[in-house]
Amino acid sequence: MCYRNDLFLETDSAGGIKTIRLADDRSNAMVDCYEKGSTRPPLLATGLGLTTFDSVSKVIALYGEPDSRSPSTKNGQPLELLYYAFDWAGPDVPQVMEVVCTAEKEGKPGQVVEITLAAGSL
């Protein structure tokens, strides 16, 4: 079974992109969308290859420990927010990344459900 991703862009008054948000849409599951055994790279991912449905451990392996972690909820589902600040990298890259993950449950690691890259502080 496969799931669809939604991509949202927020622009400034000059048409420049301020925020990019990628979120999984589990309400639109597609059965048998890939041939059995086939693997395809994600169509939408960060520069280091992070995408929705990846594990929290992959987030940390790619980006290191977040600057902050906090509990969150959406539609009654417990979530965890990982916050990364990239202001040290200069103005030509996103300055902030927020990664929303499902909470670890019964020993099963959380999964990425949303990634937001922003030009400035969220």
PDB file of N, CA and C in Angstrom:
ATOM      1  N   MET A   1       0.845  -1.176   0.000  1.00  0.00           N
ATOM      2  CA  MET A   1       0.000   0.000   0.000  1.00  0.00           C
ATOM      3  C   MET A   1       0.891   1.241   0.000  1.00  0.00           C
ATOM      4  N   CYS A   2       0.505   2.241  -0.731  1.00  0.00           N
ATOM      5  CA  CYS A   2       1.266   3.481  -0.820  1.00  0.00           C
ATOM      6  C   CYS A   2       0.389   4.644  -0.372  1.00  0.00           C
ATOM      7  N   TYR A   3       1.043   5.703   0.035  1.00  0.00           N
ATOM      8  CA  TYR A   3       0.341   6.894   0.467  1.00  0.00           C
ATOM      9  C   TYR A   3       0.808   8.086  -0.343  1.00  0.00           C
ATOM     10  N   ARG A   4      -0.032   9.050  -0.428  1.00  0.00           N
ATOM     11  CA  ARG A   4       0.263  10.264  -1.170  1.00  0.00           C
ATOM     12  C   ARG A   4       0.879  11.294  -0.236  1.00  0.00           C
ATOM     13  N   ASN A   5       1.733  12.157  -0.784  1.00  0.00           N
ATOM     14  CA  ASN A   5       2.265  13.299  -0.052  1.00  0.00           C
ATOM     15  C   ASN A   5       1.606  14.563  -0.571  1.00  0.00           C
ATOM     16  N   ASP A   6       1.390  15.516   0.314  1.00  0.00           N
ATOM     17  CA  ASP A   6       0.891  16.835  -0.067  1.00  0.00           C
ATOM     18  C   ASP A   6       2.047  17.815   0.081  1.00  0.00           C
ATOM     19  N   LEU A   7       2.195  18.705  -0.897  1.00  0.00           N
ATOM     20  CA  LEU A   7       3.241  19.717  -0.880  1.00  0.00           C
ATOM     21  C   LEU A   7       2.584  21.081  -0.813  1.00  0.00           C
ATOM     22  N   PHE A   8       3.012  21.907   0.166  1.00  0.00           N
ATOM     23  CA  PHE A   8       2.470  23.243   0.351  1.00  0.00           C
ATOM     24  C   PHE A   8       3.609  24.249   0.250  1.00  0.00           C
ATOM     25  N   LEU A   9       3.397  25.334  -0.482  1.00  0.00           N
ATOM     26  CA  LEU A   9       4.383  26.403  -0.612  1.00  0.00           C
ATOM     27  C   LEU A   9       3.764  27.705  -0.128  1.00  0.00           C
ATOM     28  N   GLU A  10       4.537  28.475   0.626  1.00  0.00           N
ATOM     29  CA  GLU A  10       4.124  29.810   1.048  1.00  0.00           C
ATOM     30  C   GLU A  10       5.125  30.782   0.442  1.00  0.00           C
ATOM     31  N   THR A  11       4.612  31.818  -0.211  1.00  0.00           N
ATOM     32  CA  THR A  11       5.499  32.779  -0.858  1.00  0.00           C
ATOM     33  C   THR A  11       5.396  34.153  -0.200  1.00  0.00           C
ATOM     34  N   ASP A  12       6.418  34.967  -0.430  1.00  0.00           N
ATOM     35  CA  ASP A  12       6.368  36.339   0.050  1.00  0.00           C
ATOM     36  C   ASP A  12       5.736  37.221  -1.033  1.00  0.00           C
ATOM     37  N   SER A  13       5.628  38.520  -0.789  1.00  0.00           N
ATOM     38  CA  SER A  13       4.957  39.426  -1.722  1.00  0.00           C
ATOM     39  C   SER A  13       5.670  39.522  -3.066  1.00  0.00           C
ATOM     40  N   ALA A  14       6.961  39.203  -3.107  1.00  0.00           N
ATOM     41  CA  ALA A  14       7.716  39.241  -4.363  1.00  0.00           C
ATOM     42  C   ALA A  14       7.676  37.900  -5.104  1.00  0.00           C
ATOM     43  N   GLY A  15       6.984  36.918  -4.539  1.00  0.00           N
ATOM     44  CA  GLY A  15       6.878  35.611  -5.171  1.00  0.00           C
ATOM     45  C   GLY A  15       7.975  34.640  -4.785  1.00  0.00           C
ATOM     46  N   GLY A  16       8.854  35.050  -3.864  1.00  0.00           N
ATOM     47  CA  GLY A  16       9.891  34.140  -3.387  1.00  0.00           C
ATOM     48  C   GLY A  16       9.315  33.138  -2.407  1.00  0.00           C
ATOM     49  N   ILE A  17       9.847  31.941  -2.412  1.00  0.00           N
ATOM     50  CA  ILE A  17       9.351  30.899  -1.514  1.00  0.00           C
ATOM     51  C   ILE A  17       9.864  31.155  -0.102  1.00  0.00           C
ATOM     52  N   LYS A  18       8.940  31.225   0.859  1.00  0.00           N
ATOM     53  CA  LYS A  18       9.283  31.406   2.274  1.00  0.00           C
ATOM     54  C   LYS A  18       9.270  30.076   3.022  1.00  0.00           C
ATOM     55  N   THR A  19       8.287  29.235   2.705  1.00  0.00           N
ATOM     56  CA  THR A  19       8.101  27.992   3.439  1.00  0.00           C
ATOM     57  C   THR A  19       7.699  26.876   2.483  1.00  0.00           C
ATOM     58  N   ILE A  20       8.284  25.702   2.698  1.00  0.00           N
ATOM     59  CA  ILE A  20       7.899  24.488   1.986  1.00  0.00           C
ATOM     60  C   ILE A  20       7.502  23.477   3.043  1.00  0.00           C
ATOM     61  N   ARG A  21       6.321  22.865   2.879  1.00  0.00           N
ATOM     62  CA  ARG A  21       5.878  21.846   3.839  1.00  0.00           C
ATOM     63  C   ARG A  21       5.455  20.612   3.078  1.00  0.00           C
ATOM     64  N   LEU A  22       5.983  19.456   3.464  1.00  0.00           N
ATOM     65  CA  LEU A  22       5.644  18.161   2.894  1.00  0.00           C
ATOM     66  C   LEU A  22       4.948  17.362   3.982  1.00  0.00           C
ATOM     67  N   ALA A  23       3.747  16.881   3.699  1.00  0.00           N
ATOM     68  CA  ALA A  23       2.991  16.132   4.707  1.00  0.00           C
ATOM     69  C   ALA A  23       2.422  14.871   4.080  1.00  0.00           C
ATOM     70  N   ASP A  24       2.442  13.780   4.850  1.00  0.00           N
ATOM     71  CA  ASP A  24       1.828  12.566   4.312  1.00  0.00           C
ATOM     72  C   ASP A  24       0.317  12.687   4.397  1.00  0.00           C
ATOM     73  N   ASP A  25      -0.362  12.024   3.495  1.00  0.00           N
ATOM     74  CA  ASP A  25      -1.821  12.048   3.454  1.00  0.00           C
ATOM     75  C   ASP A  25      -2.305  10.610   3.518  1.00  0.00           C
ATOM     76  N   ARG A  26      -2.386  10.096   4.729  1.00  0.00           N
ATOM     77  CA  ARG A  26      -2.768   8.690   4.910  1.00  0.00           C
ATOM     78  C   ARG A  26      -4.227   8.436   4.580  1.00  0.00           C
ATOM     79  N   SER A  27      -4.990   9.506   4.370  1.00  0.00           N
ATOM     80  CA  SER A  27      -6.397   9.315   4.011  1.00  0.00           C
ATOM     81  C   SER A  27      -6.549   8.902   2.546  1.00  0.00           C
ATOM     82  N   ASN A  28      -5.475   9.003   1.783  1.00  0.00           N
ATOM     83  CA  ASN A  28      -5.524   8.653   0.362  1.00  0.00           C
ATOM     84  C   ASN A  28      -4.603   7.483   0.062  1.00  0.00           C
ATOM     85  N   ALA A  29      -4.838   6.351   0.709  1.00  0.00           N
ATOM     86  CA  ALA A  29      -4.026   5.163   0.472  1.00  0.00           C
ATOM     87  C   ALA A  29      -4.347   4.579  -0.902  1.00  0.00           C
ATOM     88  N   MET A  30      -3.307   4.127  -1.569  1.00  0.00           N
ATOM     89  CA  MET A  30      -3.469   3.503  -2.882  1.00  0.00           C
ATOM     90  C   MET A  30      -2.979   2.070  -2.773  1.00  0.00           C
ATOM     91  N   VAL A  31      -3.822   1.122  -3.093  1.00  0.00           N
ATOM     92  CA  VAL A  31      -3.472  -0.282  -2.989  1.00  0.00           C
ATOM     93  C   VAL A  31      -2.728  -0.699  -4.247  1.00  0.00           C
ATOM     94  N   ASP A  32      -1.683  -1.512  -4.068  1.00  0.00           N
ATOM     95  CA  ASP A  32      -0.899  -2.054  -5.180  1.00  0.00           C
ATOM     96  C   ASP A  32      -0.403  -0.987  -6.143  1.00  0.00           C
ATOM     97  N   CYS A  33       0.126   0.098  -5.619  1.00  0.00           N
ATOM     98  CA  CYS A  33       0.603   1.167  -6.490  1.00  0.00           C
ATOM     99  C   CYS A  33       2.006   0.890  -7.016  1.00  0.00           C
ATOM    100  N   TYR A  34       2.728  -0.004  -6.404  1.00  0.00           N
ATOM    101  CA  TYR A  34       4.053  -0.407  -6.888  1.00  0.00           C
ATOM    102  C   TYR A  34       4.032  -1.904  -7.154  1.00  0.00           C
ATOM    103  N   GLU A  35       4.856  -2.316  -8.089  1.00  0.00           N
ATOM    104  CA  GLU A  35       5.008  -3.741  -8.304  1.00  0.00           C
ATOM    105  C   GLU A  35       5.673  -4.350  -7.083  1.00  0.00           C
ATOM    106  N   LYS A  36       5.303  -5.563  -6.750  1.00  0.00           N
ATOM    107  CA  LYS A  36       5.879  -6.213  -5.584  1.00  0.00           C
ATOM    108  C   LYS A  36       7.384  -6.322  -5.741  1.00  0.00           C
ATOM    109  N   GLY A  37       8.089  -5.957  -4.694  1.00  0.00           N
ATOM    110  CA  GLY A  37       9.530  -6.051  -4.692  1.00  0.00           C
ATOM    111  C   GLY A  37      10.241  -4.864  -5.309  1.00  0.00           C
ATOM    112  N   SER A  38       9.506  -3.959  -5.931  1.00  0.00           N
ATOM    113  CA  SER A  38      10.181  -2.819  -6.541  1.00  0.00           C
ATOM    114  C   SER A  38      10.415  -1.747  -5.490  1.00  0.00           C
ATOM    115  N   THR A  39      11.472  -1.010  -5.667  1.00  0.00           N
ATOM    116  CA  THR A  39      11.738   0.117  -4.792  1.00  0.00           C
ATOM    117  C   THR A  39      11.923   1.341  -5.658  1.00  0.00           C
ATOM    118  N   ARG A  40      11.374   2.427  -5.213  1.00  0.00           N
ATOM    119  CA  ARG A  40      11.499   3.675  -5.935  1.00  0.00           C
ATOM    120  C   ARG A  40      11.972   4.742  -4.973  1.00  0.00           C
ATOM    121  N   PRO A  41      12.850   5.610  -5.421  1.00  0.00           N
ATOM    122  CA  PRO A  41      13.249   6.699  -4.530  1.00  0.00           C
ATOM    123  C   PRO A  41      12.076   7.639  -4.314  1.00  0.00           C
ATOM    124  N   PRO A  42      12.049   8.317  -3.174  1.00  0.00           N
ATOM    125  CA  PRO A  42      10.947   9.248  -2.939  1.00  0.00           C
ATOM    126  C   PRO A  42      10.982  10.383  -3.949  1.00  0.00           C
ATOM    127  N   LEU A  43       9.812  10.831  -4.353  1.00  0.00           N
ATOM    128  CA  LEU A  43       9.744  11.943  -5.291  1.00  0.00           C
ATOM    129  C   LEU A  43      10.064  13.265  -4.602  1.00  0.00           C
ATOM    130  N   LEU A  44       9.718  13.376  -3.346  1.00  0.00           N
ATOM    131  CA  LEU A  44       9.936  14.604  -2.588  1.00  0.00           C
ATOM    132  C   LEU A  44      10.737  14.275  -1.339  1.00  0.00           C
ATOM    133  N   ALA A  45      11.906  14.898  -1.214  1.00  0.00           N
ATOM    134  CA  ALA A  45      12.772  14.639  -0.066  1.00  0.00           C
ATOM    135  C   ALA A  45      13.641  15.866   0.182  1.00  0.00           C
ATOM    136  N   THR A  46      14.215  15.943   1.379  1.00  0.00           N
ATOM    137  CA  THR A  46      15.157  17.020   1.685  1.00  0.00           C
ATOM    138  C   THR A  46      16.454  16.762   0.923  1.00  0.00           C
ATOM    139  N   GLY A  47      17.362  17.711   0.982  1.00  0.00           N
ATOM    140  CA  GLY A  47      18.642  17.562   0.306  1.00  0.00           C
ATOM    141  C   GLY A  47      19.438  16.349   0.762  1.00  0.00           C
ATOM    142  N   LEU A  48      19.237  15.915   2.003  1.00  0.00           N
ATOM    143  CA  LEU A  48      19.930  14.729   2.510  1.00  0.00           C
ATOM    144  C   LEU A  48      19.098  13.464   2.357  1.00  0.00           C
ATOM    145  N   GLY A  49      17.924  13.568   1.728  1.00  0.00           N
ATOM    146  CA  GLY A  49      17.124  12.380   1.440  1.00  0.00           C
ATOM    147  C   GLY A  49      16.055  12.026   2.447  1.00  0.00           C
ATOM    148  N   LEU A  50      15.739  12.910   3.375  1.00  0.00           N
ATOM    149  CA  LEU A  50      14.684  12.642   4.359  1.00  0.00           C
ATOM    150  C   LEU A  50      13.322  12.863   3.725  1.00  0.00           C
ATOM    151  N   THR A  51      12.401  11.955   3.944  1.00  0.00           N
ATOM    152  CA  THR A  51      11.051  12.090   3.422  1.00  0.00           C
ATOM    153  C   THR A  51      10.047  11.552   4.438  1.00  0.00           C
ATOM    154  N   THR A  52       8.782  11.726   4.159  1.00  0.00           N
ATOM    155  CA  THR A  52       7.757  11.219   5.062  1.00  0.00           C
ATOM    156  C   THR A  52       7.852   9.702   5.132  1.00  0.00           C
ATOM    157  N   PHE A  53       7.435   9.155   6.230  1.00  0.00           N
ATOM    158  CA  PHE A  53       7.452   7.725   6.558  1.00  0.00           C
ATOM    159  C   PHE A  53       8.824   7.228   6.987  1.00  0.00           C
ATOM    160  N   ASP A  54       9.883   8.075   6.903  1.00  0.00           N
ATOM    161  CA  ASP A  54      11.184   7.685   7.440  1.00  0.00           C
ATOM    162  C   ASP A  54      11.098   7.639   8.963  1.00  0.00           C
ATOM    163  N   SER A  55      12.023   6.930   9.583  1.00  0.00           N
ATOM    164  CA  SER A  55      12.015   6.800  11.040  1.00  0.00           C
ATOM    165  C   SER A  55      12.691   8.001  11.703  1.00  0.00           C
ATOM    166  N   VAL A  56      12.366   8.200  12.975  1.00  0.00           N
ATOM    167  CA  VAL A  56      13.000   9.253  13.760  1.00  0.00           C
ATOM    168  C   VAL A  56      14.509   9.016  13.802  1.00  0.00           C
ATOM    169  N   SER A  57      14.927   7.757  13.884  1.00  0.00           N
ATOM    170  CA  SER A  57      16.363   7.472  13.924  1.00  0.00           C
ATOM    171  C   SER A  57      17.058   7.909  12.635  1.00  0.00           C
ATOM    172  N   LYS A  58      16.374   7.858  11.497  1.00  0.00           N
ATOM    173  CA  LYS A  58      16.963   8.334  10.244  1.00  0.00           C
ATOM    174  C   LYS A  58      17.106   9.860  10.277  1.00  0.00           C
ATOM    175  N   VAL A  59      16.114  10.546  10.833  1.00  0.00           N
ATOM    176  CA  VAL A  59      16.209  12.002  10.960  1.00  0.00           C
ATOM    177  C   VAL A  59      17.482  12.358  11.723  1.00  0.00           C
ATOM    178  N   ILE A  60      17.693  11.704  12.856  1.00  0.00           N
ATOM    179  CA  ILE A  60      18.839  12.008  13.705  1.00  0.00           C
ATOM    180  C   ILE A  60      20.146  11.567  13.039  1.00  0.00           C
ATOM    181  N   ALA A  61      20.125  10.455  12.318  1.00  0.00           N
ATOM    182  CA  ALA A  61      21.331  10.018  11.607  1.00  0.00           C
ATOM    183  C   ALA A  61      21.728  11.033  10.533  1.00  0.00           C
ATOM    184  N   LEU A  62      20.747  11.620   9.861  1.00  0.00           N
ATOM    185  CA  LEU A  62      21.024  12.577   8.792  1.00  0.00           C
ATOM    186  C   LEU A  62      21.376  13.969   9.312  1.00  0.00           C
ATOM    187  N   TYR A  63      20.638  14.441  10.328  1.00  0.00           N
ATOM    188  CA  TYR A  63      20.749  15.838  10.759  1.00  0.00           C
ATOM    189  C   TYR A  63      21.299  16.018  12.165  1.00  0.00           C
ATOM    190  N   GLY A  64      21.554  14.940  12.884  1.00  0.00           N
ATOM    191  CA  GLY A  64      22.039  15.054  14.256  1.00  0.00           C
ATOM    192  C   GLY A  64      20.884  15.309  15.225  1.00  0.00           C
ATOM    193  N   GLU A  65      21.244  15.486  16.469  1.00  0.00           N
ATOM    194  CA  GLU A  65      20.229  15.763  17.483  1.00  0.00           C
ATOM    195  C   GLU A  65      19.578  17.114  17.185  1.00  0.00           C
ATOM    196  N   PRO A  66      18.267  17.216  17.329  1.00  0.00           N
ATOM    197  CA  PRO A  66      17.599  18.492  17.059  1.00  0.00           C
ATOM    198  C   PRO A  66      17.952  19.540  18.114  1.00  0.00           C
ATOM    199  N   ASP A  67      17.746  20.800  17.745  1.00  0.00           N
ATOM    200  CA  ASP A  67      17.954  21.887  18.700  1.00  0.00           C
ATOM    201  C   ASP A  67      16.926  21.824  19.817  1.00  0.00           C
ATOM    202  N   SER A  68      15.741  21.297  19.510  1.00  0.00           N
ATOM    203  CA  SER A  68      14.731  21.063  20.544  1.00  0.00           C
ATOM    204  C   SER A  68      13.787  19.961  20.093  1.00  0.00           C
ATOM    205  N   ARG A  69      13.174  19.316  21.084  1.00  0.00           N
ATOM    206  CA  ARG A  69      12.161  18.273  20.872  1.00  0.00           C
ATOM    207  C   ARG A  69      10.997  18.611  21.781  1.00  0.00           C
ATOM    208  N   SER A  70       9.792  18.491  21.246  1.00  0.00           N
ATOM    209  CA  SER A  70       8.642  18.771  22.095  1.00  0.00           C
ATOM    210  C   SER A  70       7.463  17.908  21.670  1.00  0.00           C
ATOM    211  N   PRO A  71       6.616  17.562  22.638  1.00  0.00           N
ATOM    212  CA  PRO A  71       5.416  16.789  22.306  1.00  0.00           C
ATOM    213  C   PRO A  71       4.418  17.668  21.565  1.00  0.00           C
ATOM    214  N   SER A  72       3.607  17.042  20.750  1.00  0.00           N
ATOM    215  CA  SER A  72       2.595  17.745  19.973  1.00  0.00           C
ATOM    216  C   SER A  72       1.438  16.787  19.740  1.00  0.00           C
ATOM    217  N   THR A  73       0.332  17.297  19.232  1.00  0.00           N
ATOM    218  CA  THR A  73      -0.793  16.444  18.842  1.00  0.00           C
ATOM    219  C   THR A  73      -1.434  17.017  17.582  1.00  0.00           C
ATOM    220  N   LYS A  74      -2.055  16.142  16.808  1.00  0.00           N
ATOM    221  CA  LYS A  74      -2.833  16.550  15.640  1.00  0.00           C
ATOM    222  C   LYS A  74      -3.960  15.549  15.488  1.00  0.00           C
ATOM    223  N   ASN A  75      -5.177  16.059  15.452  1.00  0.00           N
ATOM    224  CA  ASN A  75      -6.361  15.202  15.365  1.00  0.00           C
ATOM    225  C   ASN A  75      -6.360  14.130  16.453  1.00  0.00           C
ATOM    226  N   GLY A  76      -5.884  14.501  17.647  1.00  0.00           N
ATOM    227  CA  GLY A  76      -5.873  13.581  18.773  1.00  0.00           C
ATOM    228  C   GLY A  76      -4.729  12.592  18.767  1.00  0.00           C
ATOM    229  N   GLN A  77      -3.886  12.600  17.740  1.00  0.00           N
ATOM    230  CA  GLN A  77      -2.763  11.671  17.650  1.00  0.00           C
ATOM    231  C   GLN A  77      -1.549  12.286  18.337  1.00  0.00           C
ATOM    232  N   PRO A  78      -0.901  11.556  19.256  1.00  0.00           N
ATOM    233  CA  PRO A  78       0.303  12.092  19.891  1.00  0.00           C
ATOM    234  C   PRO A  78       1.452  12.127  18.885  1.00  0.00           C
ATOM    235  N   LEU A  79       2.133  13.256  18.827  1.00  0.00           N
ATOM    236  CA  LEU A  79       3.228  13.462  17.896  1.00  0.00           C
ATOM    237  C   LEU A  79       4.425  14.051  18.631  1.00  0.00           C
ATOM    238  N   GLU A  80       5.553  14.100  17.949  1.00  0.00           N
ATOM    239  CA  GLU A  80       6.750  14.736  18.490  1.00  0.00           C
ATOM    240  C   GLU A  80       7.285  15.694  17.428  1.00  0.00           C
ATOM    241  N   LEU A  81       7.666  16.893  17.861  1.00  0.00           N
ATOM    242  CA  LEU A  81       8.200  17.907  16.964  1.00  0.00           C
ATOM    243  C   LEU A  81       9.703  18.021  17.182  1.00  0.00           C
ATOM    244  N   LEU A  82      10.475  17.839  16.103  1.00  0.00           N
ATOM    245  CA  LEU A  82      11.923  18.019  16.132  1.00  0.00           C
ATOM    246  C   LEU A  82      12.231  19.324  15.414  1.00  0.00           C
ATOM    247  N   TYR A  83      12.972  20.217  16.066  1.00  0.00           N
ATOM    248  CA  TYR A  83      13.253  21.541  15.519  1.00  0.00           C
ATOM    249  C   TYR A  83      14.748  21.689  15.266  1.00  0.00           C
ATOM    250  N   TYR A  84      15.090  22.104  14.047  1.00  0.00           N
ATOM    251  CA  TYR A  84      16.483  22.340  13.658  1.00  0.00           C
ATOM    252  C   TYR A  84      16.627  23.772  13.171  1.00  0.00           C
ATOM    253  N   ALA A  85      17.654  24.471  13.644  1.00  0.00           N
ATOM    254  CA  ALA A  85      17.965  25.820  13.167  1.00  0.00           C
ATOM    255  C   ALA A  85      19.219  25.742  12.308  1.00  0.00           C
ATOM    256  N   PHE A  86      19.148  26.314  11.097  1.00  0.00           N
ATOM    257  CA  PHE A  86      20.284  26.288  10.171  1.00  0.00           C
ATOM    258  C   PHE A  86      20.794  27.683   9.879  1.00  0.00           C
ATOM    259  N   ASP A  87      20.589  28.626  10.790  1.00  0.00           N
ATOM    260  CA  ASP A  87      21.033  29.996  10.543  1.00  0.00           C
ATOM    261  C   ASP A  87      22.543  30.082  10.362  1.00  0.00           C
ATOM    262  N   TRP A  88      23.279  29.140  10.906  1.00  0.00           N
ATOM    263  CA  TRP A  88      24.728  29.097  10.770  1.00  0.00           C
ATOM    264  C   TRP A  88      25.157  28.826   9.317  1.00  0.00           C
ATOM    265  N   ALA A  89      24.253  28.278   8.490  1.00  0.00           N
ATOM    266  CA  ALA A  89      24.600  27.869   7.125  1.00  0.00           C
ATOM    267  C   ALA A  89      24.519  29.010   6.115  1.00  0.00           C
ATOM    268  N   GLY A  90      24.031  30.178   6.556  1.00  0.00           N
ATOM    269  CA  GLY A  90      23.935  31.323   5.650  1.00  0.00           C
ATOM    270  C   GLY A  90      22.553  31.490   5.062  1.00  0.00           C
ATOM    271  N   PRO A  91      22.291  32.652   4.458  1.00  0.00           N
ATOM    272  CA  PRO A  91      20.942  33.000   4.009  1.00  0.00           C
ATOM    273  C   PRO A  91      20.472  32.283   2.743  1.00  0.00           C
ATOM    274  N   ASP A  92      21.346  31.544   2.072  1.00  0.00           N
ATOM    275  CA  ASP A  92      20.957  30.889   0.823  1.00  0.00           C
ATOM    276  C   ASP A  92      20.314  29.520   1.013  1.00  0.00           C
ATOM    277  N   VAL A  93      20.150  29.096   2.249  1.00  0.00           N
ATOM    278  CA  VAL A  93      19.513  27.811   2.542  1.00  0.00           C
ATOM    279  C   VAL A  93      18.374  28.050   3.529  1.00  0.00           C
ATOM    280  N   PRO A  94      17.438  27.098   3.631  1.00  0.00           N
ATOM    281  CA  PRO A  94      16.397  27.256   4.654  1.00  0.00           C
ATOM    282  C   PRO A  94      17.029  27.449   6.022  1.00  0.00           C
ATOM    283  N   GLN A  95      16.440  28.311   6.815  1.00  0.00           N
ATOM    284  CA  GLN A  95      16.988  28.645   8.126  1.00  0.00           C
ATOM    285  C   GLN A  95      16.442  27.752   9.235  1.00  0.00           C
ATOM    286  N   VAL A  96      15.295  27.129   8.970  1.00  0.00           N
ATOM    287  CA  VAL A  96      14.620  26.326   9.990  1.00  0.00           C
ATOM    288  C   VAL A  96      14.042  25.075   9.334  1.00  0.00           C
ATOM    289  N   MET A  97      14.127  23.949  10.047  1.00  0.00           N
ATOM    290  CA  MET A  97      13.432  22.728   9.628  1.00  0.00           C
ATOM    291  C   MET A  97      12.685  22.188  10.832  1.00  0.00           C
ATOM    292  N   GLU A  98      11.401  21.939  10.644  1.00  0.00           N
ATOM    293  CA  GLU A  98      10.593  21.269  11.657  1.00  0.00           C
ATOM    294  C   GLU A  98      10.175  19.923  11.095  1.00  0.00           C
ATOM    295  N   VAL A  99      10.386  18.879  11.887  1.00  0.00           N
ATOM    296  CA  VAL A  99      10.021  17.533  11.483  1.00  0.00           C
ATOM    297  C   VAL A  99       9.010  17.015  12.506  1.00  0.00           C
ATOM    298  N   VAL A 100       7.809  16.726  12.045  1.00  0.00           N
ATOM    299  CA  VAL A 100       6.763  16.190  12.921  1.00  0.00           C
ATOM    300  C   VAL A 100       6.726  14.677  12.730  1.00  0.00           C
ATOM    301  N   CYS A 101       6.791  13.950  13.842  1.00  0.00           N
ATOM    302  CA  CYS A 101       6.834  12.487  13.804  1.00  0.00           C
ATOM    303  C   CYS A 101       5.755  11.897  14.699  1.00  0.00           C
ATOM    304  N   THR A 102       5.344  10.687  14.363  1.00  0.00           N
ATOM    305  CA  THR A 102       4.481   9.961  15.280  1.00  0.00           C
ATOM    306  C   THR A 102       5.313   9.646  16.517  1.00  0.00           C
ATOM    307  N   ALA A 103       4.655   9.491  17.638  1.00  0.00           N
ATOM    308  CA  ALA A 103       5.354   9.171  18.880  1.00  0.00           C
ATOM    309  C   ALA A 103       5.735   7.696  18.882  1.00  0.00           C
ATOM    310  N   GLU A 104       6.848   7.389  19.546  1.00  0.00           N
ATOM    311  CA  GLU A 104       7.252   5.994  19.707  1.00  0.00           C
ATOM    312  C   GLU A 104       6.142   5.278  20.472  1.00  0.00           C
ATOM    313  N   LYS A 105       5.803   4.071  20.021  1.00  0.00           N
ATOM    314  CA  LYS A 105       4.711   3.349  20.665  1.00  0.00           C
ATOM    315  C   LYS A 105       5.049   1.864  20.724  1.00  0.00           C
ATOM    316  N   GLU A 106       4.978   1.308  21.914  1.00  0.00           N
ATOM    317  CA  GLU A 106       5.219  -0.110  22.137  1.00  0.00           C
ATOM    318  C   GLU A 106       6.535  -0.566  21.520  1.00  0.00           C
ATOM    319  N   GLY A 107       7.584   0.244  21.679  1.00  0.00           N
ATOM    320  CA  GLY A 107       8.897  -0.087  21.173  1.00  0.00           C
ATOM    321  C   GLY A 107       9.095   0.170  19.690  1.00  0.00           C
ATOM    322  N   LYS A 108       8.036   0.571  18.999  1.00  0.00           N
ATOM    323  CA  LYS A 108       8.141   0.860  17.566  1.00  0.00           C
ATOM    324  C   LYS A 108       8.521   2.332  17.406  1.00  0.00           C
ATOM    325  N   PRO A 109       9.610   2.607  16.655  1.00  0.00           N
ATOM    326  CA  PRO A 109      10.053   4.006  16.528  1.00  0.00           C
ATOM    327  C   PRO A 109       9.036   4.858  15.782  1.00  0.00           C
ATOM    328  N   GLY A 110       9.069   6.154  16.078  1.00  0.00           N
ATOM    329  CA  GLY A 110       8.186   7.084  15.395  1.00  0.00           C
ATOM    330  C   GLY A 110       8.569   7.239  13.939  1.00  0.00           C
ATOM    331  N   GLN A 111       7.611   7.722  13.137  1.00  0.00           N
ATOM    332  CA  GLN A 111       7.827   7.956  11.716  1.00  0.00           C
ATOM    333  C   GLN A 111       7.543   9.407  11.381  1.00  0.00           C
ATOM    334  N   VAL A 112       8.248   9.927  10.391  1.00  0.00           N
ATOM    335  CA  VAL A 112       8.048  11.291   9.925  1.00  0.00           C
ATOM    336  C   VAL A 112       6.694  11.391   9.233  1.00  0.00           C
ATOM    337  N   VAL A 113       5.889  12.382   9.640  1.00  0.00           N
ATOM    338  CA  VAL A 113       4.613  12.619   8.976  1.00  0.00           C
ATOM    339  C   VAL A 113       4.568  13.980   8.286  1.00  0.00           C
ATOM    340  N   GLU A 114       5.503  14.864   8.658  1.00  0.00           N
ATOM    341  CA  GLU A 114       5.506  16.195   8.050  1.00  0.00           C
ATOM    342  C   GLU A 114       6.893  16.811   8.192  1.00  0.00           C
ATOM    343  N   ILE A 115       7.336  17.494   7.129  1.00  0.00           N
ATOM    344  CA  ILE A 115       8.613  18.200   7.137  1.00  0.00           C
ATOM    345  C   ILE A 115       8.339  19.628   6.651  1.00  0.00           C
ATOM    346  N   THR A 116       8.784  20.606   7.421  1.00  0.00           N
ATOM    347  CA  THR A 116       8.644  22.005   7.023  1.00  0.00           C
ATOM    348  C   THR A 116      10.025  22.645   6.968  1.00  0.00           C
ATOM    349  N   LEU A 117      10.337  23.239   5.820  1.00  0.00           N
ATOM    350  CA  LEU A 117      11.558  24.026   5.643  1.00  0.00           C
ATOM    351  C   LEU A 117      11.147  25.469   5.476  1.00  0.00           C
ATOM    352  N   ALA A 118      11.779  26.384   6.205  1.00  0.00           N
ATOM    353  CA  ALA A 118      11.367  27.780   6.162  1.00  0.00           C
ATOM    354  C   ALA A 118      12.570  28.712   6.072  1.00  0.00           C
ATOM    355  N   ALA A 119      12.331  29.844   5.429  1.00  0.00           N
ATOM    356  CA  ALA A 119      13.373  30.854   5.284  1.00  0.00           C
ATOM    357  C   ALA A 119      13.713  31.494   6.620  1.00  0.00           C
ATOM    358  N   GLY A 120      12.730  31.693   7.467  1.00  0.00           N
ATOM    359  CA  GLY A 120      12.953  32.332   8.765  1.00  0.00           C
ATOM    360  C   GLY A 120      12.327  31.527   9.869  1.00  0.00           C
ATOM    361  N   SER A 121      12.365  32.070  11.049  1.00  0.00           N
ATOM    362  CA  SER A 121      11.843  31.400  12.226  1.00  0.00           C
ATOM    363  C   SER A 121      10.353  31.141  12.081  1.00  0.00           C
ATOM    364  N   LEU A 122       9.920  29.955  12.471  1.00  0.00           N
ATOM    365  CA  LEU A 122       8.496  29.595  12.408  1.00  0.00           C
ATOM    366  C   LEU A 122       7.774  30.041  13.664  1.00  0.00           C
TER     367      LEU A 122
END
